[in-house]
Amino acid sequence: MKNLVIIVGTIVLGCLIFDLIVGDNEGSLKNESKEVMINCIEDYLE
């Protein structure tokens, strides 16, 4: 039973970390890097 709790907890934690990296929410790594790249491109074009 203890092993099952550890495995389920690991899966849930992995899903949360995956969502932070590639999710569509505001704080995800994908959206933050998109904003940085857009700002760099705009600065370069000025």
Protein backbone atom coordinates (compact mmCIF):
# COMPACT_ATOMS: atom_id res chain seq x y z
CA MET A 1 0.00 0.00 0.00
CA LYS A 2 2.86 2.36 0.83
CA ASN A 3 4.43 1.72 -2.59
CA LEU A 4 1.12 2.49 -4.30
CA VAL A 5 0.89 5.86 -2.54
CA ILE A 6 4.46 6.68 -3.55
CA ILE A 7 3.82 5.73 -7.19
CA VAL A 8 0.58 7.73 -7.41
CA GLY A 9 2.25 10.73 -5.76
CA THR A 10 5.13 10.56 -8.22
CA ILE A 11 2.73 10.44 -11.18
CA VAL A 12 0.75 13.43 -9.89
CA LEU A 13 3.95 15.40 -9.29
CA GLY A 14 5.16 14.56 -12.79
CA CYS A 15 1.89 15.77 -14.28
CA LEU A 16 2.13 19.05 -12.37
CA ILE A 17 5.73 19.64 -13.47
CA PHE A 18 4.82 18.80 -17.08
CA ASP A 19 1.94 21.30 -16.94
CA LEU A 20 4.27 23.99 -15.59
CA ILE A 21 6.65 23.43 -18.48
CA VAL A 22 4.32 23.07 -21.48
CA GLY A 23 0.93 24.18 -20.20
CA ASP A 24 -1.12 27.04 -21.63
CA ASN A 25 -1.40 28.96 -18.37
CA GLU A 26 0.27 32.34 -17.85
CA GLY A 27 3.19 31.11 -15.75
CA SER A 28 4.25 28.20 -17.91
CA LEU A 29 7.77 28.00 -19.26
CA LYS A 30 6.42 27.91 -22.82
CA ASN A 31 4.55 31.21 -22.48
CA GLU A 32 7.36 32.91 -20.57
CA SER A 33 9.94 31.98 -23.22
CA LYS A 34 7.52 33.15 -25.93
CA GLU A 35 7.26 36.56 -24.26
CA VAL A 36 11.05 36.83 -23.93
CA MET A 37 11.57 35.93 -27.60
CA ILE A 38 8.93 38.42 -28.75
CA ASN A 39 10.53 41.17 -26.65
CA CYS A 40 13.98 40.35 -28.05
CA ILE A 41 12.69 40.45 -31.61
CA GLU A 42 10.92 43.76 -31.01
CA ASP A 43 14.07 45.25 -29.46
CA TYR A 44 16.14 44.01 -32.40
CA LEU A 45 13.76 45.57 -34.94
CA GLU A 46 13.90 49.01 -33.27
